[in-house]
Amino acid sequence: MTNRTFMAIDQLDLAIEQLKVGTPSYARFAHILVDNIVELLVHHYCEYVIMQDKYRLVGLEPKYTTEQRADALGQRFDKKVKFCKFLNGISQDEADAIMILHQYRNELYHSGVIHDAIAWDLAWYYHSIATLLFSKLVSYTHYMIGEELSDAIKKHVGKDTWCFDCARVVSSLNEARPTRKLKLSVVLANSAVSHVESVIESLDYIVRNSPQSPTEDSVVRDVQLSDYLYNDPFAKTVWEKVKGHHNTRQTSAFLESIWAPRYSSNPLPGFLRQADRIRNSANDLNALKNFEKFKSDFFYFSTLIMREEEMLDDYIQMQEDAYRDR
């Protein structure tokens, strides 16, 4: 067996130990470890295939184009995954799962507690995918005489490494991985509901505390209009053109007259329905894809409402400070 294969088994085993701890922090570490292994498995598989093609019998044309070889040996992980799929080394579903879970590596690290509720289950799912990839992408094995065997290798491979059985390793890793308590669809749906409920509370806070005494629908409209007037690329261009020599109210009225809101009424009930679709997903991958769609759809509106709540908080604080200073 190669050191690469040993390293993959060692790190997959270490990720299992971190999953057993059960905390979000250790789950994030497990996810990063698994992502490292997936990257290495994909890279080494691509490298091996290209090497085999390079040293084909004299006179035989290479199987792969210059572009395919560049993709396989380059720096772009998505290109390598695409090449593995082209070779039928992995399925379309596996490629989709890998690319989504790969993106979570940075999200889990940088976003911190935002993903605490789902970190463990995402790492668990990624580990199950990585273990499957191990069985599909480990292209060759040999044992280095005198190589020290780690406890993880002895556990999952056995002491007799001459008789390497990939199926046994995969089975051992799967058995060692702790049992999850809920389906991924349930965990992701619960997370979606929690995010929506938080924005429901924020919207209610704005309606109850804003000095303009707005309705829900008017808040929904106003936050979108404000975002359009000051952040939309076209609106910015218009403001730049009229800077210094035009009535701002007239410009605002013009921009508002051609504007169409994304949401004409409160969209939060619709986001709760999306959470139900996540919960009823047929399998883990479908749940993950539905959750990604929810995140993409939800981000715009939730950002506007939270921003409005923060500005209202600042306004109320200023009013309280001014009152105390009188």
Protein backbone atom coordinates (compact mmCIF):
# COMPACT_ATOMS: atom_id res chain seq x y z
CA MET A 1 0.00 0.00 0.00
CA THR A 2 1.24 3.49 -0.72
CA ASN A 3 1.75 6.18 1.88
CA ARG A 4 -1.07 8.05 0.12
CA THR A 5 -3.48 5.23 0.83
CA PHE A 6 -2.28 5.01 4.43
CA MET A 7 -2.78 8.76 4.84
CA ALA A 8 -6.32 8.59 3.48
CA ILE A 9 -7.26 5.83 5.91
CA ASP A 10 -5.55 7.59 8.83
CA GLN A 11 -7.38 10.86 8.17
CA LEU A 12 -10.74 9.20 7.56
CA ASP A 13 -10.28 7.44 10.90
CA LEU A 14 -9.28 10.69 12.61
CA ALA A 15 -12.38 12.37 11.19
CA ILE A 16 -14.46 9.57 12.73
CA GLU A 17 -12.91 10.26 16.13
CA GLN A 18 -13.79 13.94 15.78
CA LEU A 19 -17.35 13.09 14.80
CA LYS A 20 -17.59 10.96 17.94
CA VAL A 21 -16.90 14.04 20.07
CA GLY A 22 -20.12 15.45 18.66
CA THR A 23 -19.52 19.18 19.04
CA PRO A 24 -19.82 21.68 16.17
CA SER A 25 -16.16 22.67 16.48
CA TYR A 26 -14.94 19.11 16.11
CA ALA A 27 -17.45 18.56 13.32
CA ARG A 28 -15.87 21.45 11.43
CA PHE A 29 -12.44 19.89 11.89
CA ALA A 30 -13.81 16.58 10.63
CA HIS A 31 -15.29 18.29 7.57
CA ILE A 32 -11.96 19.95 6.74
CA LEU A 33 -10.11 16.64 7.14
CA VAL A 34 -12.57 14.84 4.89
CA ASP A 35 -12.36 17.60 2.30
CA ASN A 36 -8.56 17.25 2.27
CA ILE A 37 -8.89 13.53 1.62
CA VAL A 38 -11.45 14.01 -1.14
CA GLU A 39 -9.17 16.53 -2.84
CA LEU A 40 -6.23 14.12 -2.62
CA LEU A 41 -8.22 11.11 -3.84
CA VAL A 42 -9.51 13.06 -6.83
CA HIS A 43 -6.08 14.55 -7.62
CA HIS A 44 -4.21 11.25 -7.37
CA TYR A 45 -6.80 9.46 -9.49
CA CYS A 46 -6.50 12.11 -12.21
CA GLU A 47 -2.71 11.98 -11.96
CA TYR A 48 -2.68 8.18 -12.24
CA VAL A 49 -4.98 8.11 -15.28
CA ILE A 50 -2.92 10.73 -17.13
CA MET A 51 0.31 8.91 -16.26
CA GLN A 52 -1.11 5.65 -17.62
CA ASP A 53 -2.12 7.43 -20.81
CA LYS A 54 1.30 9.04 -21.17
CA TYR A 55 3.12 5.71 -21.05
CA ARG A 56 0.87 3.77 -23.41
CA LEU A 57 2.40 1.53 -26.06
CA VAL A 58 4.52 3.32 -28.64
CA GLY A 59 2.46 4.34 -31.64
CA LEU A 60 -0.85 4.62 -29.80
CA GLU A 61 -2.50 8.02 -29.78
CA PRO A 62 -3.22 9.56 -26.34
CA LYS A 63 -6.78 9.04 -25.16
CA TYR A 64 -7.19 12.50 -23.70
CA THR A 65 -6.98 15.93 -25.25
CA THR A 66 -4.51 18.61 -24.21
CA GLU A 67 -7.37 20.45 -22.49
CA GLN A 68 -8.44 17.35 -20.56
CA ARG A 69 -4.87 16.72 -19.41
CA ALA A 70 -4.60 20.35 -18.30
CA ASP A 71 -7.86 20.06 -16.36
CA ALA A 72 -6.77 16.80 -14.72
CA LEU A 73 -3.38 18.12 -13.61
CA GLY A 74 -4.30 21.76 -12.98
CA GLN A 75 -5.28 23.68 -9.86
CA ARG A 76 -9.06 23.80 -10.39
CA PHE A 77 -10.77 21.24 -8.15
CA ASP A 78 -14.04 21.48 -10.07
CA LYS A 79 -12.22 20.60 -13.30
CA LYS A 80 -10.67 17.54 -11.68
CA VAL A 81 -14.06 16.38 -10.41
CA LYS A 82 -15.51 16.88 -13.89
CA PHE A 83 -12.68 14.79 -15.37
CA CYS A 84 -13.31 11.98 -12.85
CA LYS A 85 -16.98 12.03 -13.84
CA PHE A 86 -16.01 11.92 -17.53
CA LEU A 87 -13.99 8.78 -16.76
CA ASN A 88 -16.98 7.27 -14.90
CA GLY A 89 -14.79 7.17 -11.81
CA ILE A 90 -17.60 8.94 -9.98
CA SER A 91 -21.29 9.42 -10.74
CA GLN A 92 -23.09 12.69 -11.44
CA ASP A 93 -24.73 12.53 -8.00
CA GLU A 94 -21.37 12.00 -6.31
CA ALA A 95 -19.86 14.90 -8.26
CA ASP A 96 -22.76 17.16 -7.24
CA ALA A 97 -22.44 16.18 -3.58
CA ILE A 98 -18.67 16.71 -3.60
CA MET A 99 -18.89 20.19 -5.08
CA ILE A 100 -21.58 21.36 -2.64
CA LEU A 101 -19.83 19.90 0.40
CA HIS A 102 -16.46 21.23 -0.76
CA GLN A 103 -17.90 24.76 -0.69
CA TYR A 104 -18.97 24.25 2.92
CA ARG A 105 -15.36 23.86 3.99
CA ASN A 106 -14.83 27.63 3.93
CA GLU A 107 -18.39 28.42 5.04
CA LEU A 108 -18.07 26.25 8.14
CA TYR A 109 -14.70 27.77 8.97
CA HIS A 110 -15.51 31.44 8.39
CA SER A 111 -19.22 31.57 9.26
CA GLY A 112 -18.79 29.89 12.62
CA VAL A 113 -21.96 29.50 14.67
CA ILE A 114 -24.23 30.22 11.68
CA HIS A 115 -23.87 26.57 10.65
CA ASP A 116 -23.44 25.00 14.09
CA ALA A 117 -26.79 23.22 13.90
CA ILE A 118 -25.89 21.41 10.67
CA ALA A 119 -22.08 21.11 10.90
CA TRP A 120 -22.05 17.58 12.34
CA ASP A 121 -24.55 16.14 9.86
CA LEU A 122 -22.79 17.72 6.88
CA ALA A 123 -19.46 16.29 8.03
CA TRP A 124 -21.09 12.87 8.56
CA TYR A 125 -22.54 12.90 5.04
CA TYR A 126 -19.26 14.07 3.52
CA HIS A 127 -17.42 11.28 5.34
CA SER A 128 -19.81 8.70 3.87
CA ILE A 129 -19.15 10.13 0.39
CA ALA A 130 -15.37 10.14 0.95
CA THR A 131 -15.42 6.52 2.10
CA LEU A 132 -17.29 5.57 -1.06
CA LEU A 133 -14.75 7.51 -3.16
CA PHE A 134 -11.95 5.63 -1.43
CA SER A 135 -13.37 2.38 -2.82
CA LYS A 136 -13.72 3.85 -6.31
CA LEU A 137 -10.65 6.05 -6.76
CA VAL A 138 -7.80 4.22 -5.04
CA SER A 139 -6.09 3.08 -8.23
CA TYR A 140 -3.21 0.97 -6.99
CA THR A 141 -1.66 -0.32 -3.75
CA HIS A 142 1.66 -1.66 -2.62
CA TYR A 143 3.25 -2.15 0.78
CA MET A 144 6.49 -0.44 1.77
CA ILE A 145 8.65 -2.98 3.62
CA GLY A 146 9.45 -1.83 7.12
CA GLU A 147 6.75 0.83 7.11
CA GLU A 148 5.34 1.51 10.57
CA LEU A 149 1.64 0.77 10.76
CA SER A 150 -0.56 3.23 12.65
CA ASP A 151 -3.33 2.07 14.95
CA ALA A 152 -5.86 3.22 12.35
CA ILE A 153 -4.25 1.05 9.65
CA LYS A 154 -4.19 -1.96 11.95
CA LYS A 155 -7.84 -1.35 12.80
CA HIS A 156 -9.21 -0.93 9.28
CA VAL A 157 -6.70 -2.86 7.13
CA GLY A 158 -5.34 -5.41 9.54
CA LYS A 159 -1.74 -6.31 10.32
CA ASP A 160 -1.40 -8.38 7.15
CA THR A 161 -1.18 -5.51 4.68
CA TRP A 162 -0.02 -7.86 1.93
CA CYS A 163 -3.65 -8.91 1.56
CA PHE A 164 -5.15 -5.45 1.17
CA ASP A 165 -8.92 -5.70 0.86
CA CYS A 166 -10.45 -2.36 -0.14
CA ALA A 167 -13.98 -3.62 0.56
CA ARG A 168 -12.93 -4.54 4.09
CA VAL A 169 -11.45 -1.09 4.68
CA VAL A 170 -14.62 0.62 3.46
CA SER A 171 -16.82 -1.63 5.58
CA SER A 172 -14.65 -1.01 8.64
CA LEU A 173 -14.75 2.77 8.17
CA ASN A 174 -18.51 2.75 7.67
CA GLU A 175 -19.03 0.66 10.80
CA ALA A 176 -16.76 2.92 12.85
CA ARG A 177 -18.56 6.11 11.83
CA PRO A 178 -21.03 7.07 14.61
CA THR A 179 -24.72 6.63 13.89
CA ARG A 180 -26.59 9.80 13.06
CA LYS A 181 -29.74 10.56 15.03
CA LEU A 182 -31.76 12.27 12.28
CA LYS A 183 -31.93 12.23 8.51
CA LEU A 184 -30.02 15.02 6.82
CA SER A 185 -33.30 16.28 5.34
CA VAL A 186 -34.73 16.81 8.83
CA VAL A 187 -31.62 18.57 10.13
CA LEU A 188 -31.44 20.92 7.14
CA ALA A 189 -35.18 21.62 7.24
CA ASN A 190 -34.99 22.45 10.95
CA SER A 191 -32.12 24.83 10.21
CA ALA A 192 -34.10 26.52 7.44
CA VAL A 193 -37.12 26.96 9.73
CA SER A 194 -34.89 28.44 12.43
CA HIS A 195 -33.47 31.01 10.00
CA VAL A 196 -36.93 31.95 8.74
CA GLU A 197 -38.33 32.29 12.27
CA SER A 198 -35.45 34.62 13.15
CA VAL A 199 -36.34 36.90 10.24
CA ILE A 200 -40.05 36.72 11.17
CA GLU A 201 -39.08 38.08 14.59
CA SER A 202 -36.96 40.81 12.99
CA LEU A 203 -39.78 41.87 10.67
CA ASP A 204 -42.21 41.95 13.60
CA TYR A 205 -39.75 44.08 15.59
CA ILE A 206 -39.54 46.60 12.73
CA VAL A 207 -43.33 46.82 12.41
CA ARG A 208 -43.81 47.29 16.17
CA ASN A 209 -41.00 49.79 16.77
CA SER A 210 -40.59 51.87 13.62
CA PRO A 211 -41.77 55.49 14.12
CA GLN A 212 -43.56 55.33 10.75
CA SER A 213 -45.89 52.55 12.05
CA PRO A 214 -45.52 50.51 8.84
CA THR A 215 -47.34 47.35 7.83
CA GLU A 216 -45.49 44.14 7.00
CA ASP A 217 -46.11 44.63 3.30
CA SER A 218 -44.88 48.22 3.35
CA VAL A 219 -41.66 47.15 5.11
CA VAL A 220 -41.19 44.39 2.53
CA ARG A 221 -41.58 46.94 -0.25
CA ASP A 222 -39.50 49.71 1.30
CA VAL A 223 -36.43 47.60 2.12
CA GLN A 224 -36.34 46.32 -1.46
CA LEU A 225 -36.79 49.80 -2.92
CA SER A 226 -34.04 51.24 -0.74
CA ASP A 227 -31.68 48.46 -1.77
CA TYR A 228 -32.50 49.07 -5.44
CA LEU A 229 -32.03 52.85 -5.24
CA TYR A 230 -28.60 52.67 -3.64
CA ASN A 231 -27.12 49.30 -4.63
CA ASP A 232 -28.48 48.37 -8.04
CA PRO A 233 -25.82 48.87 -10.78
CA PHE A 234 -28.24 50.70 -13.10
CA ALA A 235 -29.46 52.99 -10.32
CA LYS A 236 -25.85 53.79 -9.39
CA THR A 237 -25.18 54.75 -13.01
CA VAL A 238 -28.18 57.09 -13.03
CA TRP A 239 -27.12 58.74 -9.77
CA GLU A 240 -23.62 59.22 -11.13
CA LYS A 241 -24.92 60.90 -14.29
CA VAL A 242 -27.13 63.40 -12.44
CA LYS A 243 -24.72 64.11 -9.61
CA GLY A 244 -24.61 67.79 -8.69
CA HIS A 245 -27.17 69.09 -11.17
CA HIS A 246 -30.45 67.28 -10.63
CA ASN A 247 -33.25 67.10 -8.09
CA THR A 248 -32.77 63.93 -6.04
CA ARG A 249 -36.50 63.47 -5.49
CA GLN A 250 -37.10 63.56 -9.21
CA THR A 251 -34.36 60.99 -9.81
CA SER A 252 -35.74 58.74 -7.06
CA ALA A 253 -39.23 59.04 -8.53
CA PHE A 254 -37.93 58.09 -11.97
CA LEU A 255 -36.04 55.06 -10.66
CA GLU A 256 -39.04 53.96 -8.60
CA SER A 257 -41.31 54.27 -11.65
CA ILE A 258 -39.27 51.69 -13.60
CA TRP A 259 -38.60 49.41 -10.63
CA ALA A 260 -40.34 46.09 -10.01
CA PRO A 261 -39.91 44.47 -6.56
CA ARG A 262 -38.83 40.87 -6.33
CA TYR A 263 -41.45 40.33 -3.63
CA SER A 264 -44.78 42.17 -3.73
CA SER A 265 -45.81 40.74 -0.34
CA ASN A 266 -44.24 39.01 2.65
CA PRO A 267 -42.26 36.03 1.24
CA LEU A 268 -41.55 34.35 4.58
CA PRO A 269 -44.48 31.87 4.38
CA GLY A 270 -43.04 30.76 1.04
CA PHE A 271 -39.66 30.15 2.63
CA LEU A 272 -41.34 27.97 5.26
CA ARG A 273 -42.84 25.93 2.43
CA GLN A 274 -39.35 25.53 1.02
CA ALA A 275 -38.30 24.12 4.39
CA ASP A 276 -41.09 21.56 4.08
CA ARG A 277 -39.74 20.54 0.67
CA ILE A 278 -36.31 20.05 2.22
CA ARG A 279 -37.85 17.87 4.95
CA ASN A 280 -39.66 15.73 2.38
CA SER A 281 -36.63 15.24 0.11
CA ALA A 282 -36.16 11.73 -1.27
CA ASN A 283 -32.52 11.37 -0.18
CA ASP A 284 -29.55 13.19 1.33
CA LEU A 285 -28.37 14.73 -1.93
CA ASN A 286 -31.82 16.05 -2.84
CA ALA A 287 -32.12 17.51 0.66
CA LEU A 288 -28.76 19.22 0.27
CA LYS A 289 -29.69 20.63 -3.15
CA ASN A 290 -33.04 21.89 -1.85
CA PHE A 291 -31.28 23.49 1.11
CA GLU A 292 -28.81 25.21 -1.22
CA LYS A 293 -31.71 26.62 -3.23
CA PHE A 294 -33.35 27.82 -0.03
CA LYS A 295 -30.14 29.56 1.07
CA SER A 296 -29.77 31.26 -2.30
CA ASP A 297 -33.40 32.44 -2.37
CA PHE A 298 -33.47 33.45 1.30
CA PHE A 299 -30.21 35.40 1.41
CA TYR A 300 -31.46 38.52 -0.39
CA PHE A 301 -34.57 39.13 1.69
CA SER A 302 -33.10 38.08 5.04
CA THR A 303 -30.13 40.42 4.52
CA LEU A 304 -32.43 43.38 3.83
CA ILE A 305 -34.59 42.74 6.89
CA MET A 306 -31.64 42.25 9.23
CA ARG A 307 -30.01 45.41 7.90
CA GLU A 308 -33.24 47.36 8.48
CA GLU A 309 -33.50 46.00 12.01
CA GLU A 310 -29.92 47.07 12.77
CA MET A 311 -30.57 50.59 11.45
CA LEU A 312 -33.75 50.84 13.52
CA ASP A 313 -31.85 49.66 16.60
CA ASP A 314 -29.23 52.35 16.01
CA TYR A 315 -31.96 55.00 15.59
CA ILE A 316 -33.73 53.96 18.81
CA GLN A 317 -30.42 53.97 20.69
CA MET A 318 -29.64 57.48 19.41
CA GLN A 319 -33.07 58.70 20.54
CA GLU A 320 -32.58 57.18 24.00
CA ASP A 321 -29.10 58.72 24.30
CA ALA A 322 -30.42 62.12 23.24
CA TYR A 323 -33.26 61.90 25.79
CA ARG A 324 -30.84 61.04 28.62
CA ASP A 325 -28.55 63.93 27.68
CA ARG A 326 -31.30 66.55 27.90
